């Protein structure tokens, strides 16, 4: 099983900060979202990404999203 490292979590936090900074500096009023593709990833990795601030996940099947969100108590 793959393990998301603290370096990966740090990278996610940096990306989220960079997105926020770009939105703040932009002359356009747009919503920007980082979507993590969680298909084929175990619920432990989804939870770790969730804990870094990601709230939008991409799955191929609704059933997988429902199962993972129940396992890690996400408020999606």
PDB file of N, CA and C in Angstrom:
ATOM      1  N   UNK A   1       0.843  -1.174   0.000  1.00  0.00           N
ATOM      2  CA  UNK A   1       0.000   0.000   0.000  1.00  0.00           C
ATOM      3  C   UNK A   1       0.893   1.244   0.000  1.00  0.00           C
ATOM      4  N   UNK A   2       0.547   2.216  -0.845  1.00  0.00           N
ATOM      5  CA  UNK A   2       1.275   3.469  -0.886  1.00  0.00           C
ATOM      6  C   UNK A   2       1.009   4.265   0.380  1.00  0.00           C
ATOM      7  N   UNK A   3       1.986   5.037   0.775  1.00  0.00           N
ATOM      8  CA  UNK A   3       1.815   5.893   1.960  1.00  0.00           C
ATOM      9  C   UNK A   3       2.114   7.322   1.538  1.00  0.00           C
ATOM     10  N   UNK A   4       1.186   8.213   1.799  1.00  0.00           N
ATOM     11  CA  UNK A   4       1.401   9.620   1.524  1.00  0.00           C
ATOM     12  C   UNK A   4       2.343  10.147   2.592  1.00  0.00           C
ATOM     13  N   UNK A   5       3.455  10.712   2.166  1.00  0.00           N
ATOM     14  CA  UNK A   5       4.457  11.174   3.116  1.00  0.00           C
ATOM     15  C   UNK A   5       4.145  12.583   3.581  1.00  0.00           C
ATOM     16  N   UNK A   6       4.785  12.975   4.658  1.00  0.00           N
ATOM     17  CA  UNK A   6       4.595  14.338   5.123  1.00  0.00           C
ATOM     18  C   UNK A   6       5.091  15.323   4.077  1.00  0.00           C
ATOM     19  N   UNK A   7       6.057  14.919   3.243  1.00  0.00           N
ATOM     20  CA  UNK A   7       6.523  15.782   2.151  1.00  0.00           C
ATOM     21  C   UNK A   7       5.394  16.018   1.155  1.00  0.00           C
ATOM     22  N   UNK A   8       4.614  14.984   0.871  1.00  0.00           N
ATOM     23  CA  UNK A   8       3.479  15.138  -0.042  1.00  0.00           C
ATOM     24  C   UNK A   8       2.423  16.040   0.574  1.00  0.00           C
ATOM     25  N   UNK A   9       2.162  15.878   1.855  1.00  0.00           N
ATOM     26  CA  UNK A   9       1.195  16.734   2.538  1.00  0.00           C
ATOM     27  C   UNK A   9       1.681  18.175   2.535  1.00  0.00           C
ATOM     28  N   UNK A  10       2.962  18.379   2.719  1.00  0.00           N
ATOM     29  CA  UNK A  10       3.550  19.721   2.672  1.00  0.00           C
ATOM     30  C   UNK A  10       3.392  20.324   1.283  1.00  0.00           C
ATOM     31  N   UNK A  11       3.580  19.510   0.256  1.00  0.00           N
ATOM     32  CA  UNK A  11       3.417  19.981  -1.125  1.00  0.00           C
ATOM     33  C   UNK A  11       1.981  20.406  -1.386  1.00  0.00           C
ATOM     34  N   UNK A  12       1.027  19.626  -0.893  1.00  0.00           N
ATOM     35  CA  UNK A  12      -0.387  19.971  -1.062  1.00  0.00           C
ATOM     36  C   UNK A  12      -0.678  21.307  -0.400  1.00  0.00           C
ATOM     37  N   UNK A  13      -0.167  21.507   0.791  1.00  0.00           N
ATOM     38  CA  UNK A  13      -0.377  22.775   1.493  1.00  0.00           C
ATOM     39  C   UNK A  13       0.214  23.939   0.706  1.00  0.00           C
ATOM     40  N   UNK A  14       1.394  23.729   0.117  1.00  0.00           N
ATOM     41  CA  UNK A  14       2.023  24.771  -0.695  1.00  0.00           C
ATOM     42  C   UNK A  14       1.185  25.081  -1.926  1.00  0.00           C
ATOM     43  N   UNK A  15       0.667  24.059  -2.578  1.00  0.00           N
ATOM     44  CA  UNK A  15      -0.174  24.264  -3.763  1.00  0.00           C
ATOM     45  C   UNK A  15      -1.432  25.045  -3.391  1.00  0.00           C
ATOM     46  N   UNK A  16      -2.062  24.694  -2.281  1.00  0.00           N
ATOM     47  CA  UNK A  16      -3.257  25.421  -1.838  1.00  0.00           C
ATOM     48  C   UNK A  16      -2.938  26.890  -1.547  1.00  0.00           C
ATOM     49  N   UNK A  17      -1.796  27.154  -0.927  1.00  0.00           N
ATOM     50  CA  UNK A  17      -1.388  28.537  -0.660  1.00  0.00           C
ATOM     51  C   UNK A  17      -1.133  29.290  -1.967  1.00  0.00           C
ATOM     52  N   UNK A  18      -0.481  28.629  -2.928  1.00  0.00           N
ATOM     53  CA  UNK A  18      -0.207  29.256  -4.216  1.00  0.00           C
ATOM     54  C   UNK A  18      -1.491  29.575  -4.975  1.00  0.00           C
ATOM     55  N   UNK A  19      -2.455  28.690  -4.901  1.00  0.00           N
ATOM     56  CA  UNK A  19      -3.752  28.938  -5.537  1.00  0.00           C
ATOM     57  C   UNK A  19      -4.409  30.156  -4.904  1.00  0.00           C
ATOM     58  N   UNK A  20      -4.421  30.201  -3.581  1.00  0.00           N
ATOM     59  CA  UNK A  20      -5.038  31.332  -2.892  1.00  0.00           C
ATOM     60  C   UNK A  20      -4.332  32.639  -3.232  1.00  0.00           C
ATOM     61  N   UNK A  21      -3.027  32.599  -3.296  1.00  0.00           N
ATOM     62  CA  UNK A  21      -2.254  33.793  -3.632  1.00  0.00           C
ATOM     63  C   UNK A  21      -2.577  34.264  -5.048  1.00  0.00           C
ATOM     64  N   UNK A  22      -2.658  33.331  -5.992  1.00  0.00           N
ATOM     65  CA  UNK A  22      -2.971  33.691  -7.376  1.00  0.00           C
ATOM     66  C   UNK A  22      -4.375  34.275  -7.494  1.00  0.00           C
ATOM     67  N   UNK A  23      -5.319  33.695  -6.782  1.00  0.00           N
ATOM     68  CA  UNK A  23      -6.702  34.203  -6.809  1.00  0.00           C
ATOM     69  C   UNK A  23      -6.745  35.616  -6.241  1.00  0.00           C
ATOM     70  N   UNK A  24      -6.034  35.846  -5.167  1.00  0.00           N
ATOM     71  CA  UNK A  24      -6.004  37.164  -4.535  1.00  0.00           C
ATOM     72  C   UNK A  24      -5.412  38.222  -5.469  1.00  0.00           C
ATOM     73  N   UNK A  25      -4.379  37.856  -6.201  1.00  0.00           N
ATOM     74  CA  UNK A  25      -3.697  38.790  -7.099  1.00  0.00           C
ATOM     75  C   UNK A  25      -4.420  38.989  -8.428  1.00  0.00           C
ATOM     76  N   UNK A  26      -5.289  38.080  -8.784  1.00  0.00           N
ATOM     77  CA  UNK A  26      -5.955  38.130 -10.088  1.00  0.00           C
ATOM     78  C   UNK A  26      -6.965  39.271 -10.155  1.00  0.00           C
ATOM     79  N   UNK A  27      -7.069  39.857 -11.333  1.00  0.00           N
ATOM     80  CA  UNK A  27      -8.084  40.898 -11.533  1.00  0.00           C
ATOM     81  C   UNK A  27      -9.444  40.285 -11.857  1.00  0.00           C
ATOM     82  N   UNK A  28      -9.464  38.986 -12.053  1.00  0.00           N
ATOM     83  CA  UNK A  28     -10.698  38.281 -12.363  1.00  0.00           C
ATOM     84  C   UNK A  28     -11.296  37.703 -11.081  1.00  0.00           C
ATOM     85  N   UNK A  29     -12.597  37.735 -10.969  1.00  0.00           N
ATOM     86  CA  UNK A  29     -13.273  37.179  -9.811  1.00  0.00           C
ATOM     87  C   UNK A  29     -13.696  35.752 -10.161  1.00  0.00           C
ATOM     88  N   UNK A  30     -12.842  34.787  -9.811  1.00  0.00           N
ATOM     89  CA  UNK A  30     -13.111  33.404 -10.164  1.00  0.00           C
ATOM     90  C   UNK A  30     -12.937  32.497  -8.949  1.00  0.00           C
ATOM     91  N   UNK A  31     -13.703  31.437  -8.944  1.00  0.00           N
ATOM     92  CA  UNK A  31     -13.505  30.396  -7.947  1.00  0.00           C
ATOM     93  C   UNK A  31     -12.544  29.373  -8.539  1.00  0.00           C
ATOM     94  N   UNK A  32     -11.541  29.014  -7.782  1.00  0.00           N
ATOM     95  CA  UNK A  32     -10.562  28.020  -8.219  1.00  0.00           C
ATOM     96  C   UNK A  32     -10.554  26.903  -7.198  1.00  0.00           C
ATOM     97  N   UNK A  33     -10.537  25.686  -7.677  1.00  0.00           N
ATOM     98  CA  UNK A  33     -10.596  24.522  -6.809  1.00  0.00           C
ATOM     99  C   UNK A  33      -9.523  23.518  -7.174  1.00  0.00           C
ATOM    100  N   UNK A  34      -8.886  22.991  -6.173  1.00  0.00           N
ATOM    101  CA  UNK A  34      -7.966  21.880  -6.379  1.00  0.00           C
ATOM    102  C   UNK A  34      -8.767  20.601  -6.160  1.00  0.00           C
ATOM    103  N   UNK A  35      -8.781  19.746  -7.163  1.00  0.00           N
ATOM    104  CA  UNK A  35      -9.508  18.481  -7.068  1.00  0.00           C
ATOM    105  C   UNK A  35      -8.480  17.354  -7.022  1.00  0.00           C
ATOM    106  N   UNK A  36      -8.491  16.605  -5.947  1.00  0.00           N
ATOM    107  CA  UNK A  36      -7.588  15.466  -5.804  1.00  0.00           C
ATOM    108  C   UNK A  36      -8.257  14.239  -6.399  1.00  0.00           C
ATOM    109  N   UNK A  37      -7.542  13.556  -7.253  1.00  0.00           N
ATOM    110  CA  UNK A  37      -8.072  12.325  -7.837  1.00  0.00           C
ATOM    111  C   UNK A  37      -7.773  11.199  -6.866  1.00  0.00           C
ATOM    112  N   UNK A  38      -8.827  10.678  -6.283  1.00  0.00           N
ATOM    113  CA  UNK A  38      -8.658   9.674  -5.232  1.00  0.00           C
ATOM    114  C   UNK A  38      -9.006   8.267  -5.681  1.00  0.00           C
ATOM    115  N   UNK A  39      -9.327   8.124  -6.962  1.00  0.00           N
ATOM    116  CA  UNK A  39      -9.663   6.775  -7.440  1.00  0.00           C
ATOM    117  C   UNK A  39      -8.449   5.865  -7.270  1.00  0.00           C
ATOM    118  N   UNK A  40      -8.701   4.672  -6.898  1.00  0.00           N
ATOM    119  CA  UNK A  40      -7.726   3.607  -6.633  1.00  0.00           C
ATOM    120  C   UNK A  40      -6.862   3.856  -5.398  1.00  0.00           C
ATOM    121  N   UNK A  41      -7.083   4.946  -4.690  1.00  0.00           N
ATOM    122  CA  UNK A  41      -6.285   5.235  -3.493  1.00  0.00           C
ATOM    123  C   UNK A  41      -7.042   4.782  -2.255  1.00  0.00           C
ATOM    124  N   UNK A  42      -6.323   4.281  -1.267  1.00  0.00           N
ATOM    125  CA  UNK A  42      -6.992   3.827  -0.045  1.00  0.00           C
ATOM    126  C   UNK A  42      -7.532   4.998   0.765  1.00  0.00           C
ATOM    127  N   UNK A  43      -8.502   4.709   1.587  1.00  0.00           N
ATOM    128  CA  UNK A  43      -9.153   5.749   2.383  1.00  0.00           C
ATOM    129  C   UNK A  43      -8.179   6.464   3.316  1.00  0.00           C
ATOM    130  N   UNK A  44      -7.108   5.800   3.738  1.00  0.00           N
ATOM    131  CA  UNK A  44      -6.117   6.449   4.606  1.00  0.00           C
ATOM    132  C   UNK A  44      -5.458   7.628   3.903  1.00  0.00           C
ATOM    133  N   UNK A  45      -5.172   7.464   2.604  1.00  0.00           N
ATOM    134  CA  UNK A  45      -4.578   8.562   1.840  1.00  0.00           C
ATOM    135  C   UNK A  45      -5.583   9.684   1.614  1.00  0.00           C
ATOM    136  N   UNK A  46      -6.830   9.335   1.382  1.00  0.00           N
ATOM    137  CA  UNK A  46      -7.872  10.340   1.218  1.00  0.00           C
ATOM    138  C   UNK A  46      -7.984  11.161   2.499  1.00  0.00           C
ATOM    139  N   UNK A  47      -7.957  10.492   3.636  1.00  0.00           N
ATOM    140  CA  UNK A  47      -8.047  11.186   4.923  1.00  0.00           C
ATOM    141  C   UNK A  47      -6.860  12.122   5.122  1.00  0.00           C
ATOM    142  N   UNK A  48      -5.676  11.683   4.762  1.00  0.00           N
ATOM    143  CA  UNK A  48      -4.499  12.532   4.923  1.00  0.00           C
ATOM    144  C   UNK A  48      -4.612  13.781   4.041  1.00  0.00           C
ATOM    145  N   UNK A  49      -5.084  13.617   2.821  1.00  0.00           N
ATOM    146  CA  UNK A  49      -5.291  14.784   1.953  1.00  0.00           C
ATOM    147  C   UNK A  49      -6.378  15.691   2.515  1.00  0.00           C
ATOM    148  N   UNK A  50      -7.428  15.099   3.017  1.00  0.00           N
ATOM    149  CA  UNK A  50      -8.504  15.869   3.629  1.00  0.00           C
ATOM    150  C   UNK A  50      -7.961  16.702   4.795  1.00  0.00           C
ATOM    151  N   UNK A  51      -7.099  16.103   5.586  1.00  0.00           N
ATOM    152  CA  UNK A  51      -6.515  16.794   6.731  1.00  0.00           C
ATOM    153  C   UNK A  51      -5.611  17.954   6.317  1.00  0.00           C
ATOM    154  N   UNK A  52      -5.104  17.945   5.076  1.00  0.00           N
ATOM    155  CA  UNK A  52      -4.277  19.053   4.593  1.00  0.00           C
ATOM    156  C   UNK A  52      -5.121  20.194   4.041  1.00  0.00           C
ATOM    157  N   UNK A  53      -6.434  19.981   3.918  1.00  0.00           N
ATOM    158  CA  UNK A  53      -7.307  21.061   3.466  1.00  0.00           C
ATOM    159  C   UNK A  53      -8.050  20.806   2.177  1.00  0.00           C
ATOM    160  N   UNK A  54      -7.780  19.703   1.518  1.00  0.00           N
ATOM    161  CA  UNK A  54      -8.492  19.403   0.277  1.00  0.00           C
ATOM    162  C   UNK A  54      -9.900  18.925   0.608  1.00  0.00           C
ATOM    163  N   UNK A  55     -10.866  19.488  -0.082  1.00  0.00           N
ATOM    164  CA  UNK A  55     -12.263  19.134   0.164  1.00  0.00           C
ATOM    165  C   UNK A  55     -12.971  18.601  -1.082  1.00  0.00           C
ATOM    166  N   UNK A  56     -12.269  18.541  -2.197  1.00  0.00           N
ATOM    167  CA  UNK A  56     -12.877  18.068  -3.437  1.00  0.00           C
ATOM    168  C   UNK A  56     -12.061  16.893  -3.969  1.00  0.00           C
ATOM    169  N   UNK A  57     -12.755  15.777  -4.157  1.00  0.00           N
ATOM    170  CA  UNK A  57     -12.111  14.550  -4.600  1.00  0.00           C
ATOM    171  C   UNK A  57     -12.807  14.018  -5.839  1.00  0.00           C
ATOM    172  N   UNK A  58     -12.024  13.462  -6.745  1.00  0.00           N
ATOM    173  CA  UNK A  58     -12.573  12.867  -7.954  1.00  0.00           C
ATOM    174  C   UNK A  58     -12.538  11.355  -7.860  1.00  0.00           C
ATOM    175  N   UNK A  59     -13.655  10.753  -8.098  1.00  0.00           N
ATOM    176  CA  UNK A  59     -13.789   9.291  -8.106  1.00  0.00           C
ATOM    177  C   UNK A  59     -14.491   8.881  -9.393  1.00  0.00           C
ATOM    178  N   UNK A  60     -14.247   7.671  -9.836  1.00  0.00           N
ATOM    179  CA  UNK A  60     -14.949   7.165 -11.015  1.00  0.00           C
ATOM    180  C   UNK A  60     -16.367   6.726 -10.686  1.00  0.00           C
ATOM    181  N   UNK A  61     -16.550   6.233  -9.469  1.00  0.00           N
ATOM    182  CA  UNK A  61     -17.836   5.659  -9.111  1.00  0.00           C
ATOM    183  C   UNK A  61     -18.351   6.255  -7.798  1.00  0.00           C
ATOM    184  N   UNK A  62     -19.619   6.590  -7.775  1.00  0.00           N
ATOM    185  CA  UNK A  62     -20.229   7.162  -6.578  1.00  0.00           C
ATOM    186  C   UNK A  62     -20.082   6.204  -5.406  1.00  0.00           C
ATOM    187  N   UNK A  63     -20.206   4.926  -5.673  1.00  0.00           N
ATOM    188  CA  UNK A  63     -20.113   3.932  -4.604  1.00  0.00           C
ATOM    189  C   UNK A  63     -18.766   4.021  -3.875  1.00  0.00           C
ATOM    190  N   UNK A  64     -17.684   4.245  -4.638  1.00  0.00           N
ATOM    191  CA  UNK A  64     -16.361   4.352  -4.020  1.00  0.00           C
ATOM    192  C   UNK A  64     -16.274   5.603  -3.153  1.00  0.00           C
ATOM    193  N   UNK A  65     -16.834   6.700  -3.614  1.00  0.00           N
ATOM    194  CA  UNK A  65     -16.823   7.932  -2.831  1.00  0.00           C
ATOM    195  C   UNK A  65     -17.617   7.748  -1.543  1.00  0.00           C
ATOM    196  N   UNK A  66     -18.773   7.135  -1.642  1.00  0.00           N
ATOM    197  CA  UNK A  66     -19.606   6.906  -0.463  1.00  0.00           C
ATOM    198  C   UNK A  66     -18.863   6.017   0.535  1.00  0.00           C
ATOM    199  N   UNK A  67     -18.244   4.952   0.040  1.00  0.00           N
ATOM    200  CA  UNK A  67     -17.516   4.039   0.925  1.00  0.00           C
ATOM    201  C   UNK A  67     -16.339   4.737   1.612  1.00  0.00           C
ATOM    202  N   UNK A  68     -15.546   5.470   0.841  1.00  0.00           N
ATOM    203  CA  UNK A  68     -14.378   6.145   1.419  1.00  0.00           C
ATOM    204  C   UNK A  68     -14.793   7.237   2.387  1.00  0.00           C
ATOM    205  N   UNK A  69     -15.809   8.002   2.055  1.00  0.00           N
ATOM    206  CA  UNK A  69     -16.226   9.078   2.951  1.00  0.00           C
ATOM    207  C   UNK A  69     -16.782   8.514   4.255  1.00  0.00           C
ATOM    208  N   UNK A  70     -17.419   7.353   4.199  1.00  0.00           N
ATOM    209  CA  UNK A  70     -17.929   6.716   5.427  1.00  0.00           C
ATOM    210  C   UNK A  70     -16.764   6.197   6.268  1.00  0.00           C
ATOM    211  N   UNK A  71     -15.722   5.690   5.611  1.00  0.00           N
ATOM    212  CA  UNK A  71     -14.584   5.127   6.339  1.00  0.00           C
ATOM    213  C   UNK A  71     -13.758   6.191   7.040  1.00  0.00           C
ATOM    214  N   UNK A  72     -13.688   7.371   6.463  1.00  0.00           N
ATOM    215  CA  UNK A  72     -12.822   8.406   7.055  1.00  0.00           C
ATOM    216  C   UNK A  72     -13.612   9.595   7.578  1.00  0.00           C
ATOM    217  N   UNK A  73     -14.913   9.475   7.643  1.00  0.00           N
ATOM    218  CA  UNK A  73     -15.799  10.504   8.218  1.00  0.00           C
ATOM    219  C   UNK A  73     -15.581  11.880   7.597  1.00  0.00           C
ATOM    220  N   UNK A  74     -15.656  11.949   6.288  1.00  0.00           N
ATOM    221  CA  UNK A  74     -15.498  13.213   5.579  1.00  0.00           C
ATOM    222  C   UNK A  74     -16.822  13.935   5.537  1.00  0.00           C
ATOM    223  N   UNK A  75     -16.782  15.228   5.581  1.00  0.00           N
ATOM    224  CA  UNK A  75     -18.011  16.020   5.456  1.00  0.00           C
ATOM    225  C   UNK A  75     -18.103  16.621   4.071  1.00  0.00           C
ATOM    226  N   UNK A  76     -18.101  15.757   3.068  1.00  0.00           N
ATOM    227  CA  UNK A  76     -18.101  16.202   1.671  1.00  0.00           C
ATOM    228  C   UNK A  76     -19.455  16.688   1.250  1.00  0.00           C
TER     229      UNK A  76
END
